[in-house]
PDB file of N, CA and C in Angstrom:
ATOM      1  N   UNK A   1       7.618   1.302 -15.175  1.00  0.00           N
ATOM      2  CA  UNK A   1       6.489   0.268 -14.911  1.00  0.00           C
ATOM      3  C   UNK A   1       6.028   0.333 -13.642  1.00  0.00           C
ATOM      4  N   UNK A   2       6.719   0.880 -12.717  1.00  0.00           N
ATOM      5  CA  UNK A   2       6.510   0.883 -11.273  1.00  0.00           C
ATOM      6  C   UNK A   2       5.511   2.050 -10.811  1.00  0.00           C
ATOM      7  N   UNK A   3       5.822   2.972 -11.601  1.00  0.00           N
ATOM      8  CA  UNK A   3       5.003   4.261 -11.892  1.00  0.00           C
ATOM      9  C   UNK A   3       3.255   4.106 -12.261  1.00  0.00           C
ATOM     10  N   UNK A   4       3.387   3.129 -12.908  1.00  0.00           N
ATOM     11  CA  UNK A   4       2.100   2.708 -13.555  1.00  0.00           C
ATOM     12  C   UNK A   4       1.453   1.741 -12.253  1.00  0.00           C
ATOM     13  N   UNK A   5       2.175   0.901 -11.805  1.00  0.00           N
ATOM     14  CA  UNK A   5       1.705   0.272 -10.523  1.00  0.00           C
ATOM     15  C   UNK A   5       1.114   1.078  -9.279  1.00  0.00           C
ATOM     16  N   UNK A   6       1.833   2.132  -9.028  1.00  0.00           N
ATOM     17  CA  UNK A   6       1.663   3.138  -8.001  1.00  0.00           C
ATOM     18  C   UNK A   6       0.310   3.646  -8.434  1.00  0.00           C
ATOM     19  N   UNK A   7       0.032   4.099  -9.698  1.00  0.00           N
ATOM     20  CA  UNK A   7      -1.287   4.492  -9.882  1.00  0.00           C
ATOM     21  C   UNK A   7      -2.301   3.430  -9.614  1.00  0.00           C
ATOM     22  N   UNK A   8      -2.015   2.328 -10.057  1.00  0.00           N
ATOM     23  CA  UNK A   8      -2.910   1.272  -9.761  1.00  0.00           C
ATOM     24  C   UNK A   8      -3.280   0.704  -8.397  1.00  0.00           C
ATOM     25  N   UNK A   9      -2.203   0.801  -7.931  1.00  0.00           N
ATOM     26  CA  UNK A   9      -2.427   0.668  -6.047  1.00  0.00           C
ATOM     27  C   UNK A   9      -3.346   1.970  -5.724  1.00  0.00           C
ATOM     28  N   UNK A  10      -3.019   3.013  -5.920  1.00  0.00           N
ATOM     29  CA  UNK A  10      -3.680   4.108  -5.298  1.00  0.00           C
ATOM     30  C   UNK A  10      -5.396   3.997  -5.795  1.00  0.00           C
ATOM     31  N   UNK A  11      -5.514   3.358  -6.843  1.00  0.00           N
ATOM     32  CA  UNK A  11      -6.744   3.494  -7.485  1.00  0.00           C
ATOM     33  C   UNK A  11      -7.617   2.227  -6.892  1.00  0.00           C
ATOM     34  N   UNK A  12      -6.963   1.202  -6.863  1.00  0.00           N
ATOM     35  CA  UNK A  12      -7.675  -0.177  -6.570  1.00  0.00           C
ATOM     36  C   UNK A  12      -7.416  -0.745  -5.034  1.00  0.00           C
ATOM     37  N   UNK A  13      -6.266  -0.476  -4.310  1.00  0.00           N
ATOM     38  CA  UNK A  13      -6.172  -0.944  -2.861  1.00  0.00           C
ATOM     39  C   UNK A  13      -6.713   0.140  -2.019  1.00  0.00           C
ATOM     40  N   UNK A  14      -7.221  -0.509  -0.796  1.00  0.00           N
ATOM     41  CA  UNK A  14      -7.535   0.471   0.188  1.00  0.00           C
ATOM     42  C   UNK A  14      -6.706   1.631   0.625  1.00  0.00           C
ATOM     43  N   UNK A  15      -7.097   2.681   1.463  1.00  0.00           N
ATOM     44  CA  UNK A  15      -6.135   3.602   2.042  1.00  0.00           C
ATOM     45  C   UNK A  15      -6.212   3.296   3.293  1.00  0.00           C
ATOM     46  N   UNK A  16      -5.282   2.615   4.056  1.00  0.00           N
ATOM     47  CA  UNK A  16      -5.469   2.472   5.718  1.00  0.00           C
ATOM     48  C   UNK A  16      -4.769   3.835   6.315  1.00  0.00           C
ATOM     49  N   UNK A  17      -4.241   4.763   5.917  1.00  0.00           N
ATOM     50  CA  UNK A  17      -4.388   5.900   6.715  1.00  0.00           C
ATOM     51  C   UNK A  17      -5.505   6.786   6.842  1.00  0.00           C
ATOM     52  N   UNK A  18      -6.178   6.873   5.593  1.00  0.00           N
ATOM     53  CA  UNK A  18      -7.484   7.453   6.187  1.00  0.00           C
ATOM     54  C   UNK A  18      -8.732   6.824   7.206  1.00  0.00           C
ATOM     55  N   UNK A  19      -8.443   5.585   6.969  1.00  0.00           N
ATOM     56  CA  UNK A  19      -9.035   4.573   8.220  1.00  0.00           C
ATOM     57  C   UNK A  19      -8.367   4.734   9.502  1.00  0.00           C
ATOM     58  N   UNK A  20      -7.230   5.138   9.502  1.00  0.00           N
ATOM     59  CA  UNK A  20      -6.586   5.237  10.894  1.00  0.00           C
ATOM     60  C   UNK A  20      -6.338   4.015  11.263  1.00  0.00           C
ATOM     61  N   UNK A  21      -5.756   2.993  10.387  1.00  0.00           N
ATOM     62  CA  UNK A  21      -5.844   1.629  10.976  1.00  0.00           C
ATOM     63  C   UNK A  21      -4.492   1.501  11.789  1.00  0.00           C
ATOM     64  N   UNK A  22      -4.718   0.658  12.811  1.00  0.00           N
ATOM     65  CA  UNK A  22      -3.762   0.503  13.726  1.00  0.00           C
ATOM     66  C   UNK A  22      -2.987  -0.862  13.423  1.00  0.00           C
ATOM     67  N   UNK A  23      -1.650  -0.556  13.261  1.00  0.00           N
ATOM     68  CA  UNK A  23      -0.702  -1.777  12.740  1.00  0.00           C
ATOM     69  C   UNK A  23      -0.655  -2.722  13.375  1.00  0.00           C
ATOM     70  N   UNK A  24      -1.012  -2.480  14.956  1.00  0.00           N
ATOM     71  CA  UNK A  24      -0.810  -3.914  15.919  1.00  0.00           C
ATOM     72  C   UNK A  24      -1.926  -4.453  16.027  1.00  0.00           C
ATOM     73  N   UNK A  25      -3.285  -4.045  14.999  1.00  0.00           N
ATOM     74  CA  UNK A  25      -4.361  -4.735  15.269  1.00  0.00           C
ATOM     75  C   UNK A  25      -4.606  -5.126  13.777  1.00  0.00           C
ATOM     76  N   UNK A  26      -3.848  -4.784  12.598  1.00  0.00           N
ATOM     77  CA  UNK A  26      -3.914  -5.315  11.508  1.00  0.00           C
ATOM     78  C   UNK A  26      -3.916  -6.776  10.905  1.00  0.00           C
ATOM     79  N   UNK A  27      -4.539  -7.204  10.051  1.00  0.00           N
ATOM     80  CA  UNK A  27      -4.564  -8.662   9.790  1.00  0.00           C
ATOM     81  C   UNK A  27      -3.450  -9.009   8.683  1.00  0.00           C
ATOM     82  N   UNK A  28      -3.023 -10.085   8.741  1.00  0.00           N
ATOM     83  CA  UNK A  28      -2.163 -10.458   7.845  1.00  0.00           C
ATOM     84  C   UNK A  28      -1.922 -10.103   6.305  1.00  0.00           C
ATOM     85  N   UNK A  29      -3.355 -10.159   6.036  1.00  0.00           N
ATOM     86  CA  UNK A  29      -3.765  -9.459   4.645  1.00  0.00           C
ATOM     87  C   UNK A  29      -3.452  -7.866   4.592  1.00  0.00           C
ATOM     88  N   UNK A  30      -3.800  -7.197   5.408  1.00  0.00           N
ATOM     89  CA  UNK A  30      -3.706  -5.682   5.432  1.00  0.00           C
ATOM     90  C   UNK A  30      -2.191  -5.600   5.500  1.00  0.00           C
ATOM     91  N   UNK A  31      -1.557  -6.430   6.395  1.00  0.00           N
ATOM     92  CA  UNK A  31       0.110  -5.874   6.299  1.00  0.00           C
ATOM     93  C   UNK A  31       0.809  -6.216   5.337  1.00  0.00           C
ATOM     94  N   UNK A  32       0.299  -7.283   4.272  1.00  0.00           N
ATOM     95  CA  UNK A  32       0.717  -7.780   3.400  1.00  0.00           C
ATOM     96  C   UNK A  32       0.481  -6.329   2.239  1.00  0.00           C
ATOM     97  N   UNK A  33      -0.920  -5.768   2.023  1.00  0.00           N
ATOM     98  CA  UNK A  33      -1.284  -4.993   1.322  1.00  0.00           C
ATOM     99  C   UNK A  33      -0.261  -3.290   1.385  1.00  0.00           C
ATOM    100  N   UNK A  34       0.107  -3.345   2.688  1.00  0.00           N
ATOM    101  CA  UNK A  34       0.902  -2.232   3.341  1.00  0.00           C
ATOM    102  C   UNK A  34       2.033  -2.503   2.838  1.00  0.00           C
ATOM    103  N   UNK A  35       2.609  -3.807   2.639  1.00  0.00           N
ATOM    104  CA  UNK A  35       4.050  -4.040   2.304  1.00  0.00           C
ATOM    105  C   UNK A  35       4.252  -3.883   0.863  1.00  0.00           C
ATOM    106  N   UNK A  36       3.163  -4.171   0.420  1.00  0.00           N
ATOM    107  CA  UNK A  36       3.071  -4.307  -1.249  1.00  0.00           C
ATOM    108  C   UNK A  36       3.386  -2.668  -1.851  1.00  0.00           C
ATOM    109  N   UNK A  37       2.189  -1.909  -1.383  1.00  0.00           N
ATOM    110  CA  UNK A  37       2.115  -0.299  -1.294  1.00  0.00           C
ATOM    111  C   UNK A  37       3.583  -0.024  -1.396  1.00  0.00           C
ATOM    112  N   UNK A  38       4.045  -0.191  -0.109  1.00  0.00           N
ATOM    113  CA  UNK A  38       5.608   0.448   0.140  1.00  0.00           C
ATOM    114  C   UNK A  38       6.717   0.053  -0.841  1.00  0.00           C
ATOM    115  N   UNK A  39       6.560  -1.308  -0.811  1.00  0.00           N
ATOM    116  CA  UNK A  39       7.498  -1.869  -2.203  1.00  0.00           C
ATOM    117  C   UNK A  39       7.419  -1.022  -3.527  1.00  0.00           C
ATOM    118  N   UNK A  40       6.065  -0.967  -4.259  1.00  0.00           N
ATOM    119  CA  UNK A  40       5.976  -0.323  -5.196  1.00  0.00           C
ATOM    120  C   UNK A  40       6.384   1.406  -5.073  1.00  0.00           C
ATOM    121  N   UNK A  41       5.858   1.717  -4.074  1.00  0.00           N
ATOM    122  CA  UNK A  41       6.096   3.408  -4.037  1.00  0.00           C
ATOM    123  C   UNK A  41       7.585   3.577  -3.960  1.00  0.00           C
ATOM    124  N   UNK A  42       8.226   2.928  -3.177  1.00  0.00           N
ATOM    125  CA  UNK A  42       9.940   2.804  -3.332  1.00  0.00           C
ATOM    126  C   UNK A  42      10.556   2.748  -4.431  1.00  0.00           C
ATOM    127  N   UNK A  43       9.966   2.051  -5.256  1.00  0.00           N
ATOM    128  CA  UNK A  43      10.560   1.680  -6.570  1.00  0.00           C
ATOM    129  C   UNK A  43      10.158   2.537  -7.737  1.00  0.00           C
ATOM    130  N   UNK A  44       9.115   3.288  -7.431  1.00  0.00           N
ATOM    131  CA  UNK A  44       8.398   4.244  -8.327  1.00  0.00           C
ATOM    132  C   UNK A  44       9.362   5.581  -8.115  1.00  0.00           C
ATOM    133  N   UNK A  45       9.557   5.673  -6.781  1.00  0.00           N
ATOM    134  CA  UNK A  45      10.061   7.031  -6.665  1.00  0.00           C
ATOM    135  C   UNK A  45      11.882   7.259  -7.290  1.00  0.00           C
ATOM    136  N   UNK A  46      12.302   5.886  -7.484  1.00  0.00           N
ATOM    137  CA  UNK A  46      13.829   5.826  -7.683  1.00  0.00           C
ATOM    138  C   UNK A  46      13.800   6.326  -9.343  1.00  0.00           C
TER     139      UNK A  46
END
């Protein structure tokens, strides 16, 4: 299930690495998206 979510995240959610987002200037929504992507990715690797 998490592997499917990881693929959907990659397709639907923005990639902040390519945008070179500074985490100190990120909004709460951007931080929430980063946390969600990290959570799903870490579960998909297991």
